[in-house]
Amino acid sequence: MPHSLSDYRDTLLALLPRGDAWSTDADSALGQLMSGVGEEFARIEQRANDLLTEAAPSQTFELLDEWQQMYGLPDTCSGEQVFQQRRIALVQKYQLMGGQSREFLLGIAAVLGYEIAITEYQHRGFGADFGTNYAGHDWNNVVQINALLINYQERSHGQPHGETYRTWGNAGLECVFNRLIHAHRHIIYNYQETLD
């Protein structure tokens, strides 16, 4: 919890030598001088606390441009983004450890603000159950991303004024997945009204 101006003033007055020449009254000339010095200390502490907040990409506001530069953003998948989308892309890239599992892909989609379901295919060989789709060995490397036909992201509290309230589209999801997926794998995008 940050210290107030009066906390700093009282601390500075308490550090002064004792005696009639050193009035510790807050309304005295010396007390007013210490209030001015305490105001600057309180401002510095507040800015230091702001810097601690800016140290986390998920909470950054003032240093977003510096964070983006450090992580090579905006990139080819960015397009025209509002503040919240820029921060989401930064957090996604910051947390990215890599992987190809179902959980990894679901997690990336969630960070980007998309709700998806995943269909994985397997080849059908001799002895498979009747009624299953026939597929060769190549289908082991196919993943189907099932997403809502209309995805939107709303502007949230704390974003800069003047940005759009809501954005639509799936281009960001496709771009990120196409960039992350291994070369031997293939993605099919299936957009539908609801995810079942």
Protein backbone atom coordinates (compact mmCIF):
# COMPACT_ATOMS: atom_id res chain seq x y z
CA MET A 1 0.00 0.00 0.00
CA PRO A 2 1.57 3.32 -1.04
CA HIS A 3 2.41 5.89 1.57
CA SER A 4 0.54 9.19 1.54
CA LEU A 5 1.95 12.69 1.41
CA SER A 6 1.22 13.12 5.15
CA ASP A 7 3.06 9.85 5.92
CA TYR A 8 6.19 11.18 4.22
CA ARG A 9 5.82 14.64 5.77
CA ASP A 10 5.47 13.19 9.28
CA THR A 11 8.43 10.88 8.74
CA LEU A 12 10.63 13.72 7.49
CA LEU A 13 9.61 15.93 10.43
CA ALA A 14 10.36 13.09 12.85
CA LEU A 15 13.89 12.84 11.44
CA LEU A 16 14.70 16.47 12.25
CA PRO A 17 16.75 17.36 15.36
CA ARG A 18 14.77 18.28 18.48
CA GLY A 19 14.57 21.86 19.64
CA ASP A 20 12.72 25.15 19.31
CA ALA A 21 14.34 25.91 15.94
CA TRP A 22 12.88 22.73 14.43
CA SER A 23 9.12 23.03 14.58
CA THR A 24 7.42 19.71 13.84
CA ASP A 25 4.01 21.32 13.39
CA ALA A 26 2.54 20.48 9.95
CA ASP A 27 1.37 24.10 9.43
CA SER A 28 4.77 25.68 10.15
CA ALA A 29 7.08 26.86 7.36
CA LEU A 30 9.29 23.80 7.95
CA GLY A 31 6.23 21.54 7.96
CA GLN A 32 5.10 23.00 4.63
CA LEU A 33 8.58 22.51 3.19
CA MET A 34 8.51 18.86 4.31
CA SER A 35 5.02 18.52 2.76
CA GLY A 36 6.49 19.63 -0.57
CA VAL A 37 9.35 17.14 -0.27
CA GLY A 38 6.92 14.43 0.92
CA GLU A 39 4.69 15.07 -2.09
CA GLU A 40 7.59 14.26 -4.41
CA PHE A 41 8.48 11.12 -2.44
CA ALA A 42 4.83 9.97 -2.62
CA ARG A 43 4.82 10.60 -6.40
CA ILE A 44 8.06 8.63 -6.83
CA GLU A 45 6.66 5.72 -4.80
CA GLN A 46 3.48 5.71 -6.89
CA ARG A 47 5.49 5.66 -10.12
CA ALA A 48 7.63 2.81 -8.71
CA ASN A 49 4.42 0.85 -7.96
CA ASP A 50 3.21 1.61 -11.50
CA LEU A 51 6.49 0.21 -12.84
CA LEU A 52 5.96 -3.02 -10.88
CA THR A 53 2.53 -3.33 -12.50
CA GLU A 54 4.08 -2.69 -15.93
CA ALA A 55 6.53 -5.56 -15.32
CA ALA A 56 3.75 -8.05 -16.14
CA PRO A 57 2.71 -8.15 -19.81
CA SER A 58 -0.86 -8.99 -18.82
CA GLN A 59 -1.15 -5.71 -16.90
CA THR A 60 1.02 -3.37 -18.95
CA PHE A 61 -0.46 -0.10 -20.15
CA GLU A 62 2.25 2.53 -20.49
CA LEU A 63 5.02 0.15 -21.61
CA LEU A 64 3.01 -1.87 -24.13
CA ASP A 65 5.02 -0.51 -27.07
CA GLU A 66 8.32 -1.48 -25.40
CA TRP A 67 7.00 -4.97 -24.57
CA GLN A 68 5.80 -5.43 -28.15
CA GLN A 69 9.17 -4.38 -29.55
CA MET A 70 10.92 -6.87 -27.26
CA TYR A 71 8.73 -9.75 -28.54
CA GLY A 72 8.73 -8.78 -32.22
CA LEU A 73 5.17 -7.49 -32.31
CA PRO A 74 3.20 -6.50 -34.24
CA ASP A 75 3.92 -9.40 -36.57
CA THR A 76 2.30 -10.70 -39.75
CA CYS A 77 -0.66 -12.05 -37.75
CA SER A 78 -1.39 -8.79 -35.98
CA GLY A 79 -3.25 -6.76 -38.58
CA GLU A 80 -5.21 -3.78 -37.25
CA GLN A 81 -5.53 -4.30 -33.50
CA VAL A 82 -7.03 -2.34 -30.64
CA PHE A 83 -5.23 -2.03 -27.32
CA GLN A 84 -6.70 -5.17 -25.70
CA GLN A 85 -5.91 -7.30 -28.76
CA ARG A 86 -2.34 -6.00 -28.75
CA ARG A 87 -1.97 -6.95 -25.08
CA ILE A 88 -3.53 -10.40 -25.66
CA ALA A 89 -1.08 -11.05 -28.53
CA LEU A 90 1.78 -10.01 -26.25
CA VAL A 91 0.65 -12.31 -23.42
CA GLN A 92 0.22 -15.17 -25.88
CA LYS A 93 3.74 -14.73 -27.19
CA TYR A 94 5.16 -14.21 -23.67
CA GLN A 95 3.61 -17.45 -22.38
CA LEU A 96 4.30 -19.49 -25.49
CA MET A 97 6.39 -22.53 -24.67
CA GLY A 98 5.44 -24.51 -27.75
CA GLY A 99 3.68 -27.75 -28.34
CA GLN A 100 1.24 -29.52 -30.63
CA SER A 101 -1.07 -31.16 -28.13
CA ARG A 102 -4.79 -30.63 -27.97
CA GLU A 103 -4.39 -28.80 -24.64
CA PHE A 104 -1.76 -26.47 -26.10
CA LEU A 105 -3.99 -25.48 -29.02
CA LEU A 106 -7.02 -24.98 -26.77
CA GLY A 107 -4.93 -22.83 -24.44
CA ILE A 108 -3.61 -20.63 -27.26
CA ALA A 109 -7.15 -20.13 -28.57
CA ALA A 110 -8.37 -19.20 -25.09
CA VAL A 111 -5.59 -16.64 -24.64
CA LEU A 112 -6.54 -15.13 -28.00
CA GLY A 113 -10.17 -14.95 -26.89
CA TYR A 114 -11.59 -17.76 -29.06
CA GLU A 115 -13.68 -20.70 -27.95
CA ILE A 116 -12.85 -23.75 -30.06
CA ALA A 117 -13.24 -27.49 -30.15
CA ILE A 118 -10.76 -29.84 -31.77
CA THR A 119 -11.38 -32.93 -33.88
CA GLU A 120 -8.42 -35.27 -34.34
CA TYR A 121 -8.33 -37.96 -36.99
CA GLN A 122 -6.69 -41.39 -37.08
CA HIS A 123 -6.12 -43.77 -39.93
CA ARG A 124 -8.53 -46.64 -40.26
CA GLY A 125 -6.87 -49.95 -40.66
CA PHE A 126 -7.81 -53.59 -40.80
CA GLY A 127 -10.09 -54.58 -37.95
CA ALA A 128 -11.55 -51.12 -37.36
CA ASP A 129 -15.17 -50.80 -36.31
CA PHE A 130 -17.73 -50.67 -39.11
CA GLY A 131 -19.15 -47.22 -39.71
CA THR A 132 -15.99 -45.28 -38.95
CA ASN A 133 -14.71 -43.00 -41.67
CA TYR A 134 -12.04 -44.44 -43.91
CA ALA A 135 -8.78 -42.52 -43.67
CA GLY A 136 -5.20 -43.27 -44.66
CA HIS A 137 -2.09 -42.72 -42.56
CA ASP A 138 -1.88 -39.06 -43.65
CA TRP A 139 -4.96 -38.32 -41.53
CA ASN A 140 -2.89 -38.90 -38.39
CA ASN A 141 -1.40 -35.46 -39.07
CA VAL A 142 -4.68 -33.61 -39.60
CA VAL A 143 -6.37 -31.54 -36.92
CA GLN A 144 -9.73 -29.87 -37.39
CA ILE A 145 -10.34 -26.61 -35.53
CA ASN A 146 -14.04 -26.12 -34.89
CA ALA A 147 -14.82 -22.50 -34.06
CA LEU A 148 -17.86 -20.30 -33.92
CA LEU A 149 -18.85 -18.74 -37.21
CA ILE A 150 -19.06 -15.33 -35.56
CA ASN A 151 -16.37 -14.62 -32.99
CA TYR A 152 -16.20 -11.23 -31.38
CA GLN A 153 -14.14 -9.57 -28.72
CA GLU A 154 -15.45 -6.66 -26.69
CA ARG A 155 -13.59 -3.65 -25.41
CA SER A 156 -12.93 -3.96 -21.69
CA HIS A 157 -12.53 -1.45 -18.90
CA GLY A 158 -9.18 0.32 -18.82
CA GLN A 159 -8.56 0.47 -22.56
CA PRO A 160 -7.68 3.78 -24.18
CA HIS A 161 -10.57 5.94 -25.39
CA GLY A 162 -11.37 6.06 -29.09
CA GLU A 163 -10.94 2.36 -29.82
CA THR A 164 -13.68 0.22 -31.29
CA TYR A 165 -16.11 -1.34 -28.84
CA ARG A 166 -16.26 -4.75 -30.52
CA THR A 167 -14.25 -6.56 -33.20
CA TRP A 168 -15.20 -9.64 -35.23
CA GLY A 169 -13.41 -12.27 -37.23
CA ASN A 170 -11.35 -15.44 -37.18
CA ALA A 171 -8.37 -14.28 -39.23
CA GLY A 172 -6.20 -13.84 -36.12
CA LEU A 173 -6.91 -17.39 -34.96
CA GLU A 174 -6.02 -18.86 -38.36
CA CYS A 175 -2.86 -16.80 -38.70
CA VAL A 176 -1.52 -17.77 -35.26
CA PHE A 177 -2.35 -21.46 -35.67
CA ASN A 178 -0.86 -21.60 -39.16
CA ARG A 179 2.33 -20.05 -37.79
CA LEU A 180 2.55 -22.40 -34.77
CA ILE A 181 1.59 -25.75 -36.30
CA HIS A 182 4.42 -28.05 -37.37
CA ALA A 183 5.14 -28.39 -41.08
CA HIS A 184 4.02 -32.04 -41.29
CA ARG A 185 0.58 -31.23 -39.85
CA HIS A 186 -2.44 -29.84 -41.65
CA ILE A 187 -5.30 -27.78 -40.18
CA ILE A 188 -8.89 -27.80 -41.37
CA TYR A 189 -10.94 -24.86 -40.13
CA ASN A 190 -14.60 -25.61 -39.59
CA TYR A 191 -16.82 -22.66 -38.68
CA GLN A 192 -20.26 -23.41 -37.32
CA GLU A 193 -23.16 -21.68 -35.58
CA THR A 194 -22.61 -23.48 -32.22
CA LEU A 195 -19.93 -25.67 -30.71
CA ASP A 196 -21.37 -29.04 -29.69
